[in-house]
Structures are given as C-alpha cells and as structure tokens.
Amino acid sequence: MPPFGWTSFTATWHDKPYPFISPSRSELSAAGKNVVITGGGTGIGKATAIAFAKAGAASVAILGRRLDRLHTSASEITAAGPATRVLFETADITKRTSIDGALKTIVGQVGKIDIFVSNAGVLPSSGGVASYDESELRRGFEVNVIGSLNAMQAFIPLAAPGAKLFNISSCLAHLAPVAPVEDVFAYAVTKLASTRMFDFVAAENPELHVVNVHPGVTDTEINANTDVKGVDEVELPGQFLVWLASSEASFLRGTLVWANWDAEELISRADEIEDSLLLRVILNGVAM
C-alpha cells in the first residue's frame, strides 16, 4: 500500500519490480533503439540504463559529471546487456556547451536518439520559505530547471523520428505541502517548474512522445545526507521506464505518472486516460 497516507491511482501499488514490467518481456524489447540518460552514473539513472540494456537496446549512453561513477556504471550496464553498446560522456547539464558536445559525440557514434531520459537533478536543502537561503534556491533552479532545459534543447535536434522523451519529475510537483513533505518547498517548486516545462515541450513538438514520471522514493545519492528514507527499490523506476517506452504505454503520452502504479491497471483505463484530463497537472474542477 502507498506510504505516508498517499493515495494511488491504481488499486495495486508497487515498491519493487514485477513481471509485467520486466525488461525480459519480448513486448518491451528496446532492440534497435538508442537510449541516452542524464545522471546515469548512479541511482535511478544507472538502474534505468541497466534495464534498457536488459531489454536489448542497440546502445545505452550515460552522461554525468563524475568520470569514476560513469566508468563503474558502464561496467554494470555492459554486464547486464552484453549485446548493447555502452557509451559514456562527462557532461554538466548546467552548461549548454557541455551537454551539446556530449550528445553530438554520442550521436556521431551510434546515430540519432530514440529514447532520452532527463534524469539529472539535485535535492536542495529543506527549510521553510520565509527564511530560505536564496543562493540554495538558485542552485536548485540552475540544475533542475535550467539544466533540464539545456538537456532537452540539446536533445531535440538530435531526436530520431518517433523519439520518446521522459522527464524524471517528482510527486512533490503536485502534492499538497503537508507532512511528510512540508519542508521541501525548494525541491517541489523546481520540479513543478520542470514538469510544466516538459508539458510545453510536448505541446510545441507533437512529433515527440513526452511523459513526466515520478520515480518513487528511493535511497540514492541525491538524498544521502537527508532524513529521507527510501521505500521503493531503485530498479522499479528503471524497469517502469522500459515499459513506458513500449507501445503498450503509448496512451500515456502527455501525462504525469508514478512508477508505483500498476501498468496493467493503467492499460485497462487507457481510453479513459486518453479522453480526459486525468494525470495532467491542472486546476482541479476547471476543465481547461
């Protein structure tokens, strides 16, 4: 059941991978696809790269600032999918020239990008709005919003026909500011801003398949120095993204979904989701 008293869109709640989203399912094959993941050296990014390698992607490229983490991650990805070509490039998403150069190098080796996961981000320190440090808030926006903007703008000209763009968002983009998330406003506002930015990307680029994804609450480096304790296995969002990139999840284009929700139940409500404002960040009660 959902933690913290949260409510689930699906009756079934997941905190770990399950057979229907397994990369070994032939229906979820990523054969022939070039996948690029920012923040791929650790945590959710690495787990996602491993999942796509297991799904047989033609190539998986990971980006990050720390070369040692990229080396380690690349070895694990190769072990998970020996037939997948694994690439890594150092890049700082807050610097447009850095992400431009990294993506052009990757595309020069494997071709245009079929699946792009905008995952790199930071968790600004917690605290109340009235006394919050301005420089820390600026740091959050610099990475989570401007960094995501740089990555997205660098990706679009290099996107393959029918490309899919996934933004690692957060439930904090839409949850009410009450316990246990009442003191993380800086992270919440930066994630809401990036989520809405990707909504606009979707509207402006109808040829792109764009989805915002809450990855669950996992123990990764982003929250290592906080009181946040993970309740979900990091492999869950990685494998959920493989399913999300498949034709089975095409009806979720333009939505915000949680990796914890049951994929089969989502499929059962596909028509309802496609024909309504469900799973969109909107003003509740106003159908516009």
C-alpha atoms as a PDB file:
ATOM      1  CA  MET A   1       0.000   0.000   0.000  1.00  0.00           C
ATOM      2  CA  PRO A   2       1.155   3.587  -0.549  1.00  0.00           C
ATOM      3  CA  PRO A   3       3.346   5.077   2.189  1.00  0.00           C
ATOM      4  CA  PHE A   4       2.756   8.321   4.089  1.00  0.00           C
ATOM      5  CA  GLY A   5      -1.016   8.066   3.702  1.00  0.00           C
ATOM      6  CA  TRP A   6      -0.777   8.776  -0.031  1.00  0.00           C
ATOM      7  CA  THR A   7      -3.498   7.676  -2.442  1.00  0.00           C
ATOM      8  CA  SER A   8      -2.773   5.532  -5.506  1.00  0.00           C
ATOM      9  CA  PHE A   9      -4.348   5.972  -8.934  1.00  0.00           C
ATOM     10  CA  THR A  10      -4.316   2.198  -9.314  1.00  0.00           C
ATOM     11  CA  ALA A  11      -5.627  -0.313  -6.777  1.00  0.00           C
ATOM     12  CA  THR A  12      -2.326  -2.173  -6.912  1.00  0.00           C
ATOM     13  CA  TRP A  13       0.767  -0.400  -5.580  1.00  0.00           C
ATOM     14  CA  HIS A  14       4.353  -1.438  -6.297  1.00  0.00           C
ATOM     15  CA  ASP A  15       7.566  -0.729  -4.419  1.00  0.00           C
ATOM     16  CA  LYS A  16       9.717  -3.184  -6.356  1.00  0.00           C
ATOM     17  CA  PRO A  17       9.897  -4.522  -9.939  1.00  0.00           C
ATOM     18  CA  TYR A  18       7.274  -7.049 -11.040  1.00  0.00           C
ATOM     19  CA  PRO A  19       6.960  -9.420 -14.011  1.00  0.00           C
ATOM     20  CA  PHE A  20       4.767  -7.239 -16.236  1.00  0.00           C
ATOM     21  CA  ILE A  21       7.414  -4.509 -16.499  1.00  0.00           C
ATOM     22  CA  SER A  22      10.359  -6.889 -16.728  1.00  0.00           C
ATOM     23  CA  PRO A  23      12.837  -5.951 -19.485  1.00  0.00           C
ATOM     24  CA  SER A  24      12.894  -9.641 -20.407  1.00  0.00           C
ATOM     25  CA  ARG A  25       9.335  -9.464 -21.768  1.00  0.00           C
ATOM     26  CA  SER A  26       9.558  -9.611 -25.551  1.00  0.00           C
ATOM     27  CA  GLU A  27       6.795  -6.989 -25.828  1.00  0.00           C
ATOM     28  CA  LEU A  28       9.096  -4.480 -24.124  1.00  0.00           C
ATOM     29  CA  SER A  29      12.097  -5.081 -26.365  1.00  0.00           C
ATOM     30  CA  ALA A  30      14.219  -1.997 -26.998  1.00  0.00           C
ATOM     31  CA  ALA A  31      16.010  -3.644 -29.903  1.00  0.00           C
ATOM     32  CA  GLY A  32      17.345  -1.120 -32.407  1.00  0.00           C
ATOM     33  CA  LYS A  33      16.861   1.822 -30.046  1.00  0.00           C
ATOM     34  CA  ASN A  34      19.492   4.336 -28.964  1.00  0.00           C
ATOM     35  CA  VAL A  35      18.942   5.414 -25.360  1.00  0.00           C
ATOM     36  CA  VAL A  36      20.527   8.407 -23.615  1.00  0.00           C
ATOM     37  CA  ILE A  37      20.223   9.103 -19.887  1.00  0.00           C
ATOM     38  CA  THR A  38      21.464  12.154 -17.995  1.00  0.00           C
ATOM     39  CA  GLY A  39      22.657  11.495 -14.474  1.00  0.00           C
ATOM     40  CA  GLY A  40      23.372   7.920 -15.499  1.00  0.00           C
ATOM     41  CA  GLY A  41      26.344   7.317 -13.251  1.00  0.00           C
ATOM     42  CA  THR A  42      24.367   6.470 -10.136  1.00  0.00           C
ATOM     43  CA  GLY A  43      20.927   5.797  -8.701  1.00  0.00           C
ATOM     44  CA  ILE A  44      17.830   5.918 -10.871  1.00  0.00           C
ATOM     45  CA  GLY A  45      19.827   6.820 -13.981  1.00  0.00           C
ATOM     46  CA  LYS A  46      22.080   3.796 -13.642  1.00  0.00           C
ATOM     47  CA  ALA A  47      19.149   1.484 -12.855  1.00  0.00           C
ATOM     48  CA  THR A  48      17.345   2.780 -15.948  1.00  0.00           C
ATOM     49  CA  ALA A  49      20.404   2.220 -18.136  1.00  0.00           C
ATOM     50  CA  ILE A  50      20.735  -1.347 -16.842  1.00  0.00           C
ATOM     51  CA  ALA A  51      17.052  -2.005 -17.514  1.00  0.00           C
ATOM     52  CA  PHE A  52      17.286  -0.799 -21.126  1.00  0.00           C
ATOM     53  CA  ALA A  53      20.405  -2.910 -21.668  1.00  0.00           C
ATOM     54  CA  LYS A  54      18.477  -5.935 -20.400  1.00  0.00           C
ATOM     55  CA  ALA A  55      15.719  -5.013 -22.857  1.00  0.00           C
ATOM     56  CA  GLY A  56      18.205  -5.301 -25.705  1.00  0.00           C
ATOM     57  CA  ALA A  57      18.702  -1.640 -26.659  1.00  0.00           C
ATOM     58  CA  ALA A  58      21.127  -1.108 -29.529  1.00  0.00           C
ATOM     59  CA  SER A  59      23.000   1.430 -27.428  1.00  0.00           C
ATOM     60  CA  VAL A  60      22.771   2.992 -23.986  1.00  0.00           C
ATOM     61  CA  ALA A  61      24.667   6.209 -23.330  1.00  0.00           C
ATOM     62  CA  ILE A  62      25.003   7.738 -19.883  1.00  0.00           C
ATOM     63  CA  LEU A  63      26.009  11.286 -19.003  1.00  0.00           C
ATOM     64  CA  GLY A  64      27.314  12.660 -15.724  1.00  0.00           C
ATOM     65  CA  ARG A  65      29.886  14.921 -14.118  1.00  0.00           C
ATOM     66  CA  ARG A  66      31.982  12.253 -12.348  1.00  0.00           C
ATOM     67  CA  LEU A  67      34.087  10.060 -14.596  1.00  0.00           C
ATOM     68  CA  ASP A  68      34.687   7.395 -11.939  1.00  0.00           C
ATOM     69  CA  ARG A  69      30.957   6.846 -11.442  1.00  0.00           C
ATOM     70  CA  LEU A  70      30.414   6.662 -15.190  1.00  0.00           C
ATOM     71  CA  HIS A  71      33.140   4.010 -15.529  1.00  0.00           C
ATOM     72  CA  THR A  72      31.590   1.884 -12.789  1.00  0.00           C
ATOM     73  CA  SER A  73      28.081   2.293 -14.133  1.00  0.00           C
ATOM     74  CA  ALA A  74      29.157   1.443 -17.688  1.00  0.00           C
ATOM     75  CA  SER A  75      30.691  -1.820 -16.491  1.00  0.00           C
ATOM     76  CA  GLU A  76      27.464  -2.805 -14.749  1.00  0.00           C
ATOM     77  CA  ILE A  77      25.375  -1.904 -17.795  1.00  0.00           C
ATOM     78  CA  THR A  78      27.611  -3.994 -20.045  1.00  0.00           C
ATOM     79  CA  ALA A  79      27.336  -6.950 -17.678  1.00  0.00           C
ATOM     80  CA  ALA A  80      23.536  -6.645 -17.737  1.00  0.00           C
ATOM     81  CA  GLY A  81      23.306  -6.466 -21.538  1.00  0.00           C
ATOM     82  CA  PRO A  82      26.459  -7.668 -23.294  1.00  0.00           C
ATOM     83  CA  ALA A  83      24.946  -7.129 -26.743  1.00  0.00           C
ATOM     84  CA  THR A  84      24.199  -3.467 -26.043  1.00  0.00           C
ATOM     85  CA  ARG A  85      26.770  -0.861 -26.995  1.00  0.00           C
ATOM     86  CA  VAL A  86      27.502   1.208 -23.882  1.00  0.00           C
ATOM     87  CA  LEU A  87      28.841   4.748 -24.097  1.00  0.00           C
ATOM     88  CA  PHE A  88      29.512   7.422 -21.503  1.00  0.00           C
ATOM     89  CA  GLU A  89      30.416  11.078 -21.660  1.00  0.00           C
ATOM     90  CA  THR A  90      31.171  13.585 -18.942  1.00  0.00           C
ATOM     91  CA  ALA A  91      28.764  16.495 -19.091  1.00  0.00           C
ATOM     92  CA  ASP A  92      27.456  19.269 -16.871  1.00  0.00           C
ATOM     93  CA  ILE A  93      23.823  19.974 -17.746  1.00  0.00           C
ATOM     94  CA  THR A  94      24.060  23.495 -16.318  1.00  0.00           C
ATOM     95  CA  LYS A  95      26.426  24.326 -19.182  1.00  0.00           C
ATOM     96  CA  ARG A  96      24.809  24.184 -22.616  1.00  0.00           C
ATOM     97  CA  THR A  97      28.084  23.743 -24.491  1.00  0.00           C
ATOM     98  CA  SER A  98      28.915  20.748 -22.297  1.00  0.00           C
ATOM     99  CA  ILE A  99      25.676  18.860 -22.953  1.00  0.00           C
ATOM    100  CA  ASP A 100      25.708  19.838 -26.647  1.00  0.00           C
ATOM    101  CA  GLY A 101      29.175  18.411 -27.083  1.00  0.00           C
ATOM    102  CA  ALA A 102      28.394  15.195 -25.233  1.00  0.00           C
ATOM    103  CA  LEU A 103      25.243  14.457 -27.218  1.00  0.00           C
ATOM    104  CA  LYS A 104      26.862  15.248 -30.567  1.00  0.00           C
ATOM    105  CA  THR A 105      29.707  12.865 -29.742  1.00  0.00           C
ATOM    106  CA  ILE A 106      27.227  10.098 -28.888  1.00  0.00           C
ATOM    107  CA  VAL A 107      25.098  10.647 -31.987  1.00  0.00           C
ATOM    108  CA  GLY A 108      28.227  10.689 -34.108  1.00  0.00           C
ATOM    109  CA  GLN A 109      28.929   7.137 -32.938  1.00  0.00           C
ATOM    110  CA  VAL A 110      25.500   5.478 -32.831  1.00  0.00           C
ATOM    111  CA  GLY A 111      23.045   7.693 -34.698  1.00  0.00           C
ATOM    112  CA  LYS A 112      20.066   9.722 -33.592  1.00  0.00           C
ATOM    113  CA  ILE A 113      18.438   9.303 -30.189  1.00  0.00           C
ATOM    114  CA  ASP A 114      15.253   7.236 -29.843  1.00  0.00           C
ATOM    115  CA  ILE A 115      14.763   7.486 -26.078  1.00  0.00           C
ATOM    116  CA  PHE A 116      16.012  10.357 -23.918  1.00  0.00           C
ATOM    117  CA  VAL A 117      15.663  10.285 -20.128  1.00  0.00           C
ATOM    118  CA  SER A 118      16.179  13.655 -18.436  1.00  0.00           C
ATOM    119  CA  ASN A 119      17.146  12.394 -15.007  1.00  0.00           C
ATOM    120  CA  ALA A 120      19.995  14.520 -13.619  1.00  0.00           C
ATOM    121  CA  GLY A 121      18.996  16.737 -10.725  1.00  0.00           C
ATOM    122  CA  VAL A 122      19.707  17.927  -7.198  1.00  0.00           C
ATOM    123  CA  LEU A 123      17.761  17.950  -3.948  1.00  0.00           C
ATOM    124  CA  PRO A 124      18.115  21.423  -2.417  1.00  0.00           C
ATOM    125  CA  SER A 125      18.285  21.575   1.356  1.00  0.00           C
ATOM    126  CA  SER A 126      14.989  21.520   3.232  1.00  0.00           C
ATOM    127  CA  GLY A 127      13.570  24.533   5.045  1.00  0.00           C
ATOM    128  CA  GLY A 128      10.688  26.937   5.261  1.00  0.00           C
ATOM    129  CA  VAL A 129      10.009  29.599   2.652  1.00  0.00           C
ATOM    130  CA  ALA A 130      10.217  32.641   4.941  1.00  0.00           C
ATOM    131  CA  SER A 131      13.839  32.064   5.935  1.00  0.00           C
ATOM    132  CA  TYR A 132      15.138  30.047   2.983  1.00  0.00           C
ATOM    133  CA  ASP A 133      18.574  30.816   1.554  1.00  0.00           C
ATOM    134  CA  GLU A 134      18.295  32.472  -1.858  1.00  0.00           C
ATOM    135  CA  SER A 135      21.548  31.003  -3.169  1.00  0.00           C
ATOM    136  CA  GLU A 136      20.379  27.464  -2.377  1.00  0.00           C
ATOM    137  CA  LEU A 137      17.106  28.063  -4.207  1.00  0.00           C
ATOM    138  CA  ARG A 138      19.030  29.411  -7.193  1.00  0.00           C
ATOM    139  CA  ARG A 139      21.169  26.243  -7.161  1.00  0.00           C
ATOM    140  CA  GLY A 140      18.028  24.120  -7.342  1.00  0.00           C
ATOM    141  CA  PHE A 141      16.677  26.079 -10.293  1.00  0.00           C
ATOM    142  CA  GLU A 142      20.062  26.082 -12.027  1.00  0.00           C
ATOM    143  CA  VAL A 143      20.196  22.284 -12.103  1.00  0.00           C
ATOM    144  CA  ASN A 144      16.579  21.098 -12.038  1.00  0.00           C
ATOM    145  CA  VAL A 145      15.139  23.697 -14.410  1.00  0.00           C
ATOM    146  CA  ILE A 146      17.919  25.332 -16.450  1.00  0.00           C
ATOM    147  CA  GLY A 147      19.850  22.051 -16.586  1.00  0.00           C
ATOM    148  CA  SER A 148      16.773  20.187 -17.796  1.00  0.00           C
ATOM    149  CA  LEU A 149      16.158  22.955 -20.335  1.00  0.00           C
ATOM    150  CA  ASN A 150      19.717  22.627 -21.658  1.00  0.00           C
ATOM    151  CA  ALA A 151      19.445  18.847 -21.926  1.00  0.00           C
ATOM    152  CA  MET A 152      16.084  18.995 -23.666  1.00  0.00           C
ATOM    153  CA  GLN A 153      17.183  21.692 -26.131  1.00  0.00           C
ATOM    154  CA  ALA A 154      20.336  19.752 -26.960  1.00  0.00           C
ATOM    155  CA  PHE A 155      18.330  16.553 -27.496  1.00  0.00           C
ATOM    156  CA  ILE A 156      15.534  17.805 -29.783  1.00  0.00           C
ATOM    157  CA  PRO A 157      17.658  18.450 -32.914  1.00  0.00           C
ATOM    158  CA  LEU A 158      19.222  15.003 -32.470  1.00  0.00           C
ATOM    159  CA  ALA A 159      15.967  13.115 -31.917  1.00  0.00           C
ATOM    160  CA  ALA A 160      15.088  10.200 -34.174  1.00  0.00           C
ATOM    161  CA  PRO A 161      11.636  10.076 -35.792  1.00  0.00           C
ATOM    162  CA  GLY A 162       9.099   8.997 -33.169  1.00  0.00           C
ATOM    163  CA  ALA A 163      11.510   9.711 -30.314  1.00  0.00           C
ATOM    164  CA  LYS A 164      10.399   9.480 -26.698  1.00  0.00           C
ATOM    165  CA  LEU A 165      11.332  11.995 -24.027  1.00  0.00           C
ATOM    166  CA  PHE A 166      10.943  11.146 -20.344  1.00  0.00           C
ATOM    167  CA  ASN A 167      11.396  13.704 -17.582  1.00  0.00           C
ATOM    168  CA  ILE A 168      12.118  12.401 -14.095  1.00  0.00           C
ATOM    169  CA  SER A 169       9.760  14.623 -12.156  1.00  0.00           C
ATOM    170  CA  SER A 170       8.526  14.190  -8.584  1.00  0.00           C
ATOM    171  CA  CYS A 171       5.251  13.710  -6.744  1.00  0.00           C
ATOM    172  CA  LEU A 172       6.188  16.954  -4.987  1.00  0.00           C
ATOM    173  CA  ALA A 173       5.231  18.764  -8.187  1.00  0.00           C
ATOM    174  CA  HIS A 174       1.593  18.193  -7.280  1.00  0.00           C
ATOM    175  CA  LEU A 175       1.337  17.034  -3.639  1.00  0.00           C
ATOM    176  CA  ALA A 176      -0.085  19.391  -1.023  1.00  0.00           C
ATOM    177  CA  PRO A 177       2.569  20.937   1.258  1.00  0.00           C
ATOM    178  CA  VAL A 178       1.738  18.818   4.301  1.00  0.00           C
ATOM    179  CA  ALA A 179       3.656  16.168   6.262  1.00  0.00           C
ATOM    180  CA  PRO A 180       5.904  14.465   5.361  1.00  0.00           C
ATOM    181  CA  VAL A 181       6.814  16.907   2.574  1.00  0.00           C
ATOM    182  CA  GLU A 182       6.039  20.226   4.207  1.00  0.00           C
ATOM    183  CA  ASP A 183       9.659  21.488   4.330  1.00  0.00           C
ATOM    184  CA  VAL A 184      10.915  20.664   0.845  1.00  0.00           C
ATOM    185  CA  PHE A 185       9.454  23.622  -0.987  1.00  0.00           C
ATOM    186  CA  ALA A 186      12.650  24.338  -2.939  1.00  0.00           C
ATOM    187  CA  TYR A 187      12.685  20.880  -4.499  1.00  0.00           C
ATOM    188  CA  ALA A 188       8.924  20.997  -5.053  1.00  0.00           C
ATOM    189  CA  VAL A 189       8.903  24.295  -6.922  1.00  0.00           C
ATOM    190  CA  THR A 190      11.853  23.355  -9.125  1.00  0.00           C
ATOM    191  CA  LYS A 191      10.260  20.019 -10.004  1.00  0.00           C
ATOM    192  CA  LEU A 192       6.900  21.665 -10.704  1.00  0.00           C
ATOM    193  CA  ALA A 193       8.641  24.173 -12.969  1.00  0.00           C
ATOM    194  CA  SER A 194      10.458  21.445 -14.906  1.00  0.00           C
ATOM    195  CA  THR A 195       7.266  19.374 -15.181  1.00  0.00           C
ATOM    196  CA  ARG A 196       5.358  22.271 -16.689  1.00  0.00           C
ATOM    197  CA  MET A 197       8.298  22.988 -18.993  1.00  0.00           C
ATOM    198  CA  PHE A 198       8.075  19.469 -20.397  1.00  0.00           C
ATOM    199  CA  ASP A 199       4.312  19.911 -20.802  1.00  0.00           C
ATOM    200  CA  PHE A 200       5.087  22.867 -23.061  1.00  0.00           C
ATOM    201  CA  VAL A 201       7.730  20.845 -24.904  1.00  0.00           C
ATOM    202  CA  ALA A 202       5.037  18.257 -25.630  1.00  0.00           C
ATOM    203  CA  ALA A 203       2.591  20.891 -26.884  1.00  0.00           C
ATOM    204  CA  GLU A 204       5.185  22.559 -29.098  1.00  0.00           C
ATOM    205  CA  ASN A 205       6.589  19.310 -30.500  1.00  0.00           C
ATOM    206  CA  PRO A 206       3.687  16.968 -31.290  1.00  0.00           C
ATOM    207  CA  GLU A 207       6.072  14.591 -33.037  1.00  0.00           C
ATOM    208  CA  LEU A 208       7.691  13.852 -29.658  1.00  0.00           C
ATOM    209  CA  HIS A 209       6.249  11.416 -27.129  1.00  0.00           C
ATOM    210  CA  VAL A 210       6.710  13.200 -23.784  1.00  0.00           C
ATOM    211  CA  VAL A 211       5.906  11.839 -20.316  1.00  0.00           C
ATOM    212  CA  ASN A 212       6.692  13.164 -16.831  1.00  0.00           C
ATOM    213  CA  VAL A 213       7.494  10.412 -14.332  1.00  0.00           C
ATOM    214  CA  HIS A 214       7.534  10.313 -10.544  1.00  0.00           C
ATOM    215  CA  PRO A 215      10.137   7.591  -9.902  1.00  0.00           C
ATOM    216  CA  GLY A 216       9.084   6.674  -6.386  1.00  0.00           C
ATOM    217  CA  VAL A 217      11.001   7.331  -3.172  1.00  0.00           C
ATOM    218  CA  THR A 218      14.338   5.541  -3.433  1.00  0.00           C
ATOM    219  CA  ASP A 219      17.596   5.548  -1.496  1.00  0.00           C
ATOM    220  CA  THR A 220      20.078   7.201  -3.854  1.00  0.00           C
ATOM    221  CA  GLU A 221      22.911   9.703  -3.577  1.00  0.00           C
ATOM    222  CA  ILE A 222      20.537  12.634  -4.049  1.00  0.00           C
ATOM    223  CA  ASN A 223      19.090  12.129  -0.580  1.00  0.00           C
ATOM    224  CA  ALA A 224      22.090  10.506   1.120  1.00  0.00           C
ATOM    225  CA  ASN A 225      22.596  13.425   3.514  1.00  0.00           C
ATOM    226  CA  THR A 226      18.938  13.926   4.408  1.00  0.00           C
ATOM    227  CA  ASP A 227      16.387  12.298   6.678  1.00  0.00           C
ATOM    228  CA  VAL A 228      14.563  10.909   3.635  1.00  0.00           C
ATOM    229  CA  LYS A 229      14.413   7.125   3.728  1.00  0.00           C
ATOM    230  CA  GLY A 230      13.694   5.211   0.549  1.00  0.00           C
ATOM    231  CA  VAL A 231      10.672   2.944   0.472  1.00  0.00           C
ATOM    232  CA  ASP A 232      10.989   1.827  -3.155  1.00  0.00           C
ATOM    233  CA  GLU A 233      13.659  -0.268  -4.862  1.00  0.00           C
ATOM    234  CA  VAL A 234      15.655   1.769  -7.378  1.00  0.00           C
ATOM    235  CA  GLU A 235      15.095  -0.912 -10.042  1.00  0.00           C
ATOM    236  CA  LEU A 236      11.353  -0.121 -10.044  1.00  0.00           C
ATOM    237  CA  PRO A 237      11.568   3.205 -11.923  1.00  0.00           C
ATOM    238  CA  GLY A 238      14.245   1.786 -14.216  1.00  0.00           C
ATOM    239  CA  GLN A 239      12.050  -1.081 -15.374  1.00  0.00           C
ATOM    240  CA  PHE A 240       8.905   1.066 -15.387  1.00  0.00           C
ATOM    241  CA  LEU A 241      10.622   3.369 -17.884  1.00  0.00           C
ATOM    242  CA  VAL A 242      11.317   0.411 -20.165  1.00  0.00           C
ATOM    243  CA  TRP A 243       7.603  -0.386 -20.120  1.00  0.00           C
ATOM    244  CA  LEU A 244       6.775   3.304 -20.583  1.00  0.00           C
ATOM    245  CA  ALA A 245       8.899   3.353 -23.738  1.00  0.00           C
ATOM    246  CA  SER A 246       6.969   0.419 -25.222  1.00  0.00           C
ATOM    247  CA  SER A 247       3.915   0.571 -27.455  1.00  0.00           C
ATOM    248  CA  GLU A 248       1.834  -0.745 -24.549  1.00  0.00           C
ATOM    249  CA  ALA A 249       2.160   2.638 -22.832  1.00  0.00           C
ATOM    250  CA  SER A 250       1.558   4.884 -25.843  1.00  0.00           C
ATOM    251  CA  PHE A 251      -1.704   6.135 -24.314  1.00  0.00           C
ATOM    252  CA  LEU A 252       0.250   7.874 -21.523  1.00  0.00           C
ATOM    253  CA  ARG A 253       1.697  10.485 -23.854  1.00  0.00           C
ATOM    254  CA  GLY A 254       1.477  13.923 -22.233  1.00  0.00           C
ATOM    255  CA  THR A 255       0.773  12.695 -18.708  1.00  0.00           C
ATOM    256  CA  LEU A 256       2.466  12.614 -15.309  1.00  0.00           C
ATOM    257  CA  VAL A 257       2.610   9.066 -13.977  1.00  0.00           C
ATOM    258  CA  TRP A 258       4.009   7.389 -10.874  1.00  0.00           C
ATOM    259  CA  ALA A 259       6.326   4.398 -11.289  1.00  0.00           C
ATOM    260  CA  ASN A 260       4.488   2.801  -8.347  1.00  0.00           C
ATOM    261  CA  TRP A 261       1.222   2.481 -10.279  1.00  0.00           C
ATOM    262  CA  ASP A 262       0.333  -0.868 -11.787  1.00  0.00           C
ATOM    263  CA  ALA A 263       0.988  -0.965 -15.536  1.00  0.00           C
ATOM    264  CA  GLU A 264      -1.768  -3.472 -16.320  1.00  0.00           C
ATOM    265  CA  GLU A 265      -4.352  -1.402 -14.461  1.00  0.00           C
ATOM    266  CA  LEU A 266      -3.213   1.699 -16.329  1.00  0.00           C
ATOM    267  CA  ILE A 267      -3.730  -0.168 -19.608  1.00  0.00           C
ATOM    268  CA  SER A 268      -7.239  -1.131 -18.514  1.00  0.00           C
ATOM    269  CA  ARG A 269      -8.027   2.602 -18.178  1.00  0.00           C
ATOM    270  CA  ALA A 270      -6.284   3.672 -21.381  1.00  0.00           C
ATOM    271  CA  ASP A 271      -9.383   5.062 -23.111  1.00  0.00           C
ATOM    272  CA  GLU A 272     -10.405   6.962 -20.000  1.00  0.00           C
ATOM    273  CA  ILE A 273      -6.936   8.479 -19.620  1.00  0.00           C
ATOM    274  CA  GLU A 274      -6.609   9.460 -23.274  1.00  0.00           C
ATOM    275  CA  ASP A 275     -10.062  11.048 -23.469  1.00  0.00           C
ATOM    276  CA  SER A 276      -9.851  13.163 -20.303  1.00  0.00           C
ATOM    277  CA  LEU A 277      -7.614  15.436 -18.252  1.00  0.00           C
ATOM    278  CA  LEU A 278      -6.628  12.594 -15.955  1.00  0.00           C
ATOM    279  CA  LEU A 279      -2.959  12.546 -14.909  1.00  0.00           C
ATOM    280  CA  ARG A 280      -2.346  16.126 -16.023  1.00  0.00           C
ATOM    281  CA  VAL A 281      -1.162  18.937 -13.759  1.00  0.00           C
ATOM    282  CA  ILE A 282      -4.224  21.197 -13.848  1.00  0.00           C
ATOM    283  CA  LEU A 283      -6.545  23.231 -11.627  1.00  0.00           C
ATOM    284  CA  ASN A 284      -8.905  20.592 -10.258  1.00  0.00           C
ATOM    285  CA  GLY A 285     -12.537  21.321 -11.028  1.00  0.00           C
ATOM    286  CA  VAL A 286     -11.832  23.537 -14.014  1.00  0.00           C
ATOM    287  CA  ALA A 287     -11.876  21.573 -17.262  1.00  0.00           C
ATOM    288  CA  MET A 288      -9.472  23.678 -19.299  1.00  0.00           C
END
